[in-house]
N, C-alpha and C. Protein backbone atom coordinates (compact mmCIF):
# COMPACT_ATOMS: atom_id res chain seq x y z
N MET A 1 -3.82 -10.37 71.50
CA MET A 1 -4.88 -11.12 70.86
C MET A 1 -4.68 -11.05 69.35
N PRO A 2 -4.80 -12.19 68.67
CA PRO A 2 -4.58 -12.20 67.23
C PRO A 2 -5.72 -11.50 66.50
N LYS A 3 -5.44 -11.11 65.28
CA LYS A 3 -6.45 -10.49 64.45
C LYS A 3 -7.57 -11.50 64.18
N LEU A 4 -8.80 -11.03 64.18
CA LEU A 4 -9.94 -11.93 63.95
C LEU A 4 -9.97 -12.39 62.50
N ASN A 5 -10.28 -13.65 62.34
CA ASN A 5 -10.41 -14.25 61.02
C ASN A 5 -11.91 -14.29 60.68
N PRO A 6 -12.37 -13.54 59.67
CA PRO A 6 -13.81 -13.48 59.37
C PRO A 6 -14.43 -14.85 59.08
N LEU A 7 -13.71 -15.71 58.38
CA LEU A 7 -14.25 -17.04 58.09
C LEU A 7 -14.45 -17.83 59.38
N ASN A 8 -13.48 -17.77 60.28
CA ASN A 8 -13.61 -18.46 61.56
C ASN A 8 -14.79 -17.92 62.36
N GLU A 9 -14.99 -16.60 62.31
CA GLU A 9 -16.11 -16.00 63.05
C GLU A 9 -17.45 -16.49 62.52
N ARG A 10 -17.58 -16.61 61.20
CA ARG A 10 -18.82 -17.13 60.62
C ARG A 10 -19.04 -18.58 61.02
N ILE A 11 -17.97 -19.36 61.03
CA ILE A 11 -18.08 -20.77 61.40
C ILE A 11 -18.51 -20.89 62.86
N LYS A 12 -17.93 -20.09 63.74
CA LYS A 12 -18.29 -20.14 65.15
C LYS A 12 -19.76 -19.74 65.35
N ARG A 13 -20.22 -18.75 64.59
CA ARG A 13 -21.62 -18.34 64.67
C ARG A 13 -22.54 -19.48 64.21
N ASP A 14 -22.18 -20.15 63.12
CA ASP A 14 -22.96 -21.29 62.64
C ASP A 14 -22.97 -22.42 63.65
N TYR A 15 -21.85 -22.65 64.30
CA TYR A 15 -21.77 -23.71 65.30
C TYR A 15 -22.66 -23.38 66.50
N ALA A 16 -22.66 -22.13 66.92
CA ALA A 16 -23.53 -21.72 68.03
C ALA A 16 -24.99 -21.95 67.66
N ARG A 17 -25.36 -21.62 66.44
CA ARG A 17 -26.73 -21.89 65.97
C ARG A 17 -27.04 -23.37 66.00
N HIS A 18 -26.07 -24.17 65.56
CA HIS A 18 -26.24 -25.63 65.55
C HIS A 18 -26.46 -26.15 66.97
N LEU A 19 -25.65 -25.68 67.90
CA LEU A 19 -25.78 -26.14 69.28
C LEU A 19 -27.13 -25.76 69.88
N LYS A 20 -27.58 -24.57 69.57
CA LYS A 20 -28.84 -24.08 70.14
C LYS A 20 -30.05 -24.72 69.46
N ALA A 21 -30.08 -24.69 68.13
CA ALA A 21 -31.27 -25.13 67.40
C ALA A 21 -31.33 -26.64 67.22
N ALA A 22 -30.26 -27.24 66.75
CA ALA A 22 -30.29 -28.66 66.41
C ALA A 22 -30.09 -29.55 67.63
N ARG A 23 -29.25 -29.12 68.54
CA ARG A 23 -28.93 -29.99 69.68
C ARG A 23 -29.60 -29.53 70.97
N GLY A 24 -30.29 -28.38 70.93
CA GLY A 24 -31.05 -27.91 72.08
C GLY A 24 -30.22 -27.55 73.30
N LYS A 25 -29.00 -27.12 73.10
CA LYS A 25 -28.12 -26.77 74.20
C LYS A 25 -28.48 -25.40 74.77
N SER A 26 -28.20 -25.21 76.03
CA SER A 26 -28.47 -23.94 76.69
C SER A 26 -27.43 -22.90 76.28
N VAL A 27 -27.73 -21.66 76.59
CA VAL A 27 -26.80 -20.57 76.28
C VAL A 27 -25.48 -20.78 77.02
N ALA A 28 -25.54 -21.22 78.25
CA ALA A 28 -24.31 -21.44 79.02
C ALA A 28 -23.45 -22.53 78.39
N THR A 29 -24.09 -23.56 77.85
CA THR A 29 -23.35 -24.65 77.22
C THR A 29 -22.65 -24.19 75.96
N PHE A 30 -23.36 -23.46 75.09
CA PHE A 30 -22.66 -23.06 73.87
C PHE A 30 -21.69 -21.92 74.12
N ASP A 31 -21.88 -21.15 75.18
CA ASP A 31 -20.87 -20.16 75.56
C ASP A 31 -19.57 -20.86 75.97
N ALA A 32 -19.70 -21.94 76.74
CA ALA A 32 -18.52 -22.69 77.17
C ALA A 32 -17.83 -23.33 75.97
N ALA A 33 -18.62 -23.85 75.02
CA ALA A 33 -18.04 -24.46 73.82
C ALA A 33 -17.30 -23.41 72.99
N LEU A 34 -17.91 -22.26 72.82
CA LEU A 34 -17.26 -21.20 72.04
C LEU A 34 -16.03 -20.64 72.75
N LYS A 35 -16.03 -20.68 74.08
CA LYS A 35 -14.84 -20.24 74.82
C LYS A 35 -13.69 -21.21 74.56
N ALA A 36 -14.00 -22.50 74.51
CA ALA A 36 -12.97 -23.50 74.22
C ALA A 36 -12.41 -23.29 72.81
N VAL A 37 -13.29 -23.03 71.86
CA VAL A 37 -12.86 -22.80 70.48
C VAL A 37 -12.01 -21.53 70.41
N ALA A 38 -12.43 -20.49 71.12
CA ALA A 38 -11.66 -19.24 71.14
C ALA A 38 -10.29 -19.45 71.76
N ARG A 39 -10.22 -20.28 72.79
CA ARG A 39 -8.93 -20.58 73.42
C ARG A 39 -7.99 -21.27 72.43
N PHE A 40 -8.54 -22.20 71.65
CA PHE A 40 -7.74 -22.88 70.63
C PHE A 40 -7.32 -21.90 69.54
N GLU A 41 -8.25 -21.06 69.13
CA GLU A 41 -7.95 -20.08 68.08
C GLU A 41 -6.87 -19.10 68.54
N ASP A 42 -6.93 -18.66 69.78
CA ASP A 42 -5.88 -17.79 70.32
C ASP A 42 -4.53 -18.50 70.31
N ASP A 43 -4.56 -19.77 70.66
CA ASP A 43 -3.33 -20.56 70.72
C ASP A 43 -2.67 -20.70 69.35
N THR A 44 -3.49 -20.78 68.31
CA THR A 44 -2.95 -20.93 66.95
C THR A 44 -2.74 -19.59 66.25
N GLY A 45 -2.98 -18.51 66.95
CA GLY A 45 -2.76 -17.19 66.35
C GLY A 45 -3.84 -16.79 65.36
N GLY A 46 -5.04 -17.34 65.50
CA GLY A 46 -6.15 -16.98 64.63
C GLY A 46 -6.10 -17.63 63.26
N ARG A 47 -5.33 -18.71 63.13
CA ARG A 47 -5.23 -19.39 61.83
C ARG A 47 -6.59 -19.94 61.40
N ASP A 48 -6.78 -20.01 60.11
CA ASP A 48 -8.01 -20.54 59.53
C ASP A 48 -8.21 -21.97 60.00
N PHE A 49 -9.46 -22.31 60.34
CA PHE A 49 -9.76 -23.67 60.79
C PHE A 49 -9.47 -24.72 59.72
N LYS A 50 -9.44 -24.30 58.46
CA LYS A 50 -9.14 -25.25 57.38
C LYS A 50 -7.71 -25.76 57.46
N THR A 51 -6.87 -25.06 58.20
CA THR A 51 -5.47 -25.48 58.31
C THR A 51 -5.24 -26.39 59.52
N PHE A 52 -6.31 -26.87 60.14
CA PHE A 52 -6.19 -27.72 61.33
C PHE A 52 -5.34 -28.95 61.02
N ARG A 53 -4.37 -29.21 61.89
CA ARG A 53 -3.49 -30.37 61.76
C ARG A 53 -3.32 -31.02 63.12
N ARG A 54 -2.97 -32.27 63.11
CA ARG A 54 -2.75 -33.05 64.34
C ARG A 54 -1.74 -32.37 65.25
N GLU A 55 -0.69 -31.83 64.67
CA GLU A 55 0.37 -31.19 65.46
C GLU A 55 -0.17 -30.00 66.26
N GLN A 56 -1.10 -29.26 65.66
CA GLN A 56 -1.72 -28.13 66.37
C GLN A 56 -2.47 -28.63 67.60
N ALA A 57 -3.21 -29.71 67.42
CA ALA A 57 -4.00 -30.26 68.52
C ALA A 57 -3.10 -30.75 69.65
N ILE A 58 -2.03 -31.43 69.30
CA ILE A 58 -1.10 -31.95 70.32
C ILE A 58 -0.44 -30.79 71.06
N ALA A 59 0.00 -29.78 70.32
CA ALA A 59 0.65 -28.62 70.95
C ALA A 59 -0.34 -27.88 71.85
N PHE A 60 -1.57 -27.74 71.41
CA PHE A 60 -2.58 -27.06 72.22
C PHE A 60 -2.82 -27.83 73.52
N LYS A 61 -2.96 -29.13 73.40
CA LYS A 61 -3.20 -29.96 74.59
C LYS A 61 -2.03 -29.83 75.57
N ASP A 62 -0.81 -29.83 75.06
CA ASP A 62 0.36 -29.68 75.93
C ASP A 62 0.38 -28.32 76.62
N ARG A 63 0.08 -27.27 75.87
CA ARG A 63 0.08 -25.92 76.45
C ARG A 63 -1.08 -25.72 77.44
N LEU A 64 -2.18 -26.42 77.20
CA LEU A 64 -3.34 -26.28 78.07
C LEU A 64 -3.03 -26.73 79.50
N THR A 65 -2.13 -27.69 79.63
CA THR A 65 -1.78 -28.19 80.97
C THR A 65 -1.03 -27.16 81.80
N SER A 66 -0.47 -26.15 81.15
CA SER A 66 0.25 -25.12 81.90
C SER A 66 -0.44 -23.76 81.82
N THR A 67 -1.63 -23.71 81.24
CA THR A 67 -2.38 -22.46 81.13
C THR A 67 -2.97 -22.08 82.47
N THR A 68 -2.90 -20.80 82.80
CA THR A 68 -3.48 -20.32 84.06
C THR A 68 -4.84 -19.69 83.79
N GLY A 69 -5.72 -19.83 84.76
CA GLY A 69 -7.05 -19.23 84.66
C GLY A 69 -6.98 -17.73 84.86
N SER A 70 -7.87 -17.02 84.22
CA SER A 70 -7.83 -15.56 84.31
C SER A 70 -8.30 -15.06 85.67
N ARG A 71 -9.19 -15.78 86.33
CA ARG A 71 -9.68 -15.33 87.64
C ARG A 71 -8.74 -15.73 88.77
N SER A 72 -8.37 -17.00 88.81
CA SER A 72 -7.59 -17.49 89.95
C SER A 72 -6.09 -17.28 89.78
N GLY A 73 -5.65 -17.28 88.54
CA GLY A 73 -4.22 -17.17 88.29
C GLY A 73 -3.49 -18.49 88.49
N GLU A 74 -4.25 -19.55 88.79
CA GLU A 74 -3.68 -20.88 88.97
C GLU A 74 -3.84 -21.69 87.69
N VAL A 75 -3.08 -22.77 87.60
CA VAL A 75 -3.17 -23.66 86.45
C VAL A 75 -4.59 -24.20 86.37
N LEU A 76 -5.11 -24.33 85.15
CA LEU A 76 -6.47 -24.83 84.97
C LEU A 76 -6.61 -26.22 85.57
N SER A 77 -7.76 -26.47 86.18
CA SER A 77 -7.99 -27.77 86.79
C SER A 77 -8.11 -28.84 85.71
N ALA A 78 -7.93 -30.09 86.12
CA ALA A 78 -8.02 -31.21 85.18
C ALA A 78 -9.41 -31.27 84.56
N SER A 79 -10.44 -30.96 85.33
CA SER A 79 -11.80 -31.01 84.77
C SER A 79 -12.02 -29.91 83.73
N THR A 80 -11.45 -28.73 83.96
CA THR A 80 -11.56 -27.65 82.97
C THR A 80 -10.81 -28.02 81.70
N GLN A 81 -9.63 -28.60 81.86
CA GLN A 81 -8.87 -29.03 80.69
C GLN A 81 -9.64 -30.09 79.91
N ALA A 82 -10.22 -31.06 80.61
CA ALA A 82 -10.98 -32.13 79.95
C ALA A 82 -12.21 -31.57 79.24
N ALA A 83 -12.92 -30.64 79.89
CA ALA A 83 -14.11 -30.04 79.28
C ALA A 83 -13.74 -29.23 78.04
N THR A 84 -12.62 -28.52 78.11
CA THR A 84 -12.16 -27.74 76.96
C THR A 84 -11.84 -28.65 75.78
N LEU A 85 -11.12 -29.72 76.04
CA LEU A 85 -10.76 -30.66 74.97
C LEU A 85 -11.98 -31.37 74.40
N ALA A 86 -12.95 -31.72 75.26
CA ALA A 86 -14.17 -32.37 74.78
C ALA A 86 -14.98 -31.43 73.89
N ALA A 87 -15.07 -30.17 74.30
CA ALA A 87 -15.79 -29.18 73.50
C ALA A 87 -15.12 -28.98 72.14
N LEU A 88 -13.79 -28.96 72.13
CA LEU A 88 -13.06 -28.81 70.87
C LEU A 88 -13.27 -30.02 69.95
N LYS A 89 -13.26 -31.22 70.54
CA LYS A 89 -13.50 -32.42 69.73
C LYS A 89 -14.87 -32.35 69.07
N ASP A 90 -15.89 -31.97 69.84
CA ASP A 90 -17.24 -31.85 69.27
C ASP A 90 -17.27 -30.83 68.14
N PHE A 91 -16.60 -29.69 68.36
CA PHE A 91 -16.58 -28.65 67.34
C PHE A 91 -15.92 -29.14 66.06
N PHE A 92 -14.76 -29.75 66.18
CA PHE A 92 -14.05 -30.18 64.98
C PHE A 92 -14.73 -31.38 64.30
N ARG A 93 -15.40 -32.23 65.07
CA ARG A 93 -16.20 -33.30 64.44
C ARG A 93 -17.32 -32.70 63.61
N TRP A 94 -17.98 -31.69 64.19
CA TRP A 94 -19.05 -31.01 63.45
C TRP A 94 -18.47 -30.33 62.21
N LEU A 95 -17.36 -29.65 62.39
CA LEU A 95 -16.74 -28.90 61.29
C LEU A 95 -16.30 -29.83 60.17
N ALA A 96 -15.82 -31.02 60.51
CA ALA A 96 -15.35 -31.97 59.50
C ALA A 96 -16.48 -32.44 58.58
N CYS A 97 -17.72 -32.25 58.99
CA CYS A 97 -18.88 -32.65 58.17
C CYS A 97 -19.44 -31.49 57.35
N GLN A 98 -18.90 -30.31 57.53
CA GLN A 98 -19.42 -29.14 56.84
C GLN A 98 -18.82 -28.99 55.45
N PRO A 99 -19.61 -28.48 54.49
CA PRO A 99 -19.07 -28.26 53.14
C PRO A 99 -17.85 -27.35 53.17
N GLY A 100 -16.84 -27.74 52.42
CA GLY A 100 -15.60 -26.97 52.36
C GLY A 100 -14.57 -27.43 53.36
N PHE A 101 -14.98 -28.27 54.31
CA PHE A 101 -14.06 -28.74 55.35
C PHE A 101 -13.88 -30.25 55.32
N LYS A 102 -14.74 -30.94 54.60
CA LYS A 102 -14.70 -32.41 54.59
C LYS A 102 -13.35 -32.94 54.14
N SER A 103 -12.76 -32.30 53.15
CA SER A 103 -11.46 -32.77 52.66
C SER A 103 -10.29 -32.11 53.39
N LYS A 104 -10.55 -31.10 54.19
CA LYS A 104 -9.48 -30.37 54.87
C LYS A 104 -9.17 -30.93 56.26
N ILE A 105 -10.21 -31.41 56.96
CA ILE A 105 -10.03 -31.87 58.34
C ILE A 105 -10.21 -33.38 58.38
N HIS A 106 -9.21 -34.06 58.87
CA HIS A 106 -9.25 -35.52 58.94
C HIS A 106 -9.70 -35.93 60.33
N VAL A 107 -10.74 -36.72 60.39
CA VAL A 107 -11.33 -37.11 61.67
C VAL A 107 -10.32 -37.77 62.61
N PRO A 108 -9.44 -38.66 62.17
CA PRO A 108 -8.46 -39.23 63.12
C PRO A 108 -7.56 -38.16 63.76
N ASP A 109 -7.33 -37.05 63.10
CA ASP A 109 -6.51 -35.99 63.68
C ASP A 109 -7.22 -35.32 64.86
N ILE A 110 -8.54 -35.36 64.86
CA ILE A 110 -9.31 -34.74 65.93
C ILE A 110 -9.12 -35.49 67.23
N GLU A 111 -9.06 -36.78 67.14
CA GLU A 111 -8.91 -37.60 68.36
C GLU A 111 -7.56 -37.34 68.98
């Protein structure tokens, strides 16, 4: 497991607050969203979210198709992969609107 990035941890905490307070999501929903973000962060070695690039997203998506689940040991189902990618898109769209990230994250790269 990569070393924790304090800035990323604060951002994830703010995002969880946003999901709960502003969007009214349940605890299970924001847990799933944060799990998807953690999966991406593990894949990038804990790099700062400000360094997000299209190539990282493409590589993550490619690796996700061969990732095995921790419980079953089988490749993740298509629905799990789709849910993970959808949660990541929502996170990075939200992040792209936050101060300090507007000029760092390009919305077309998220898609």
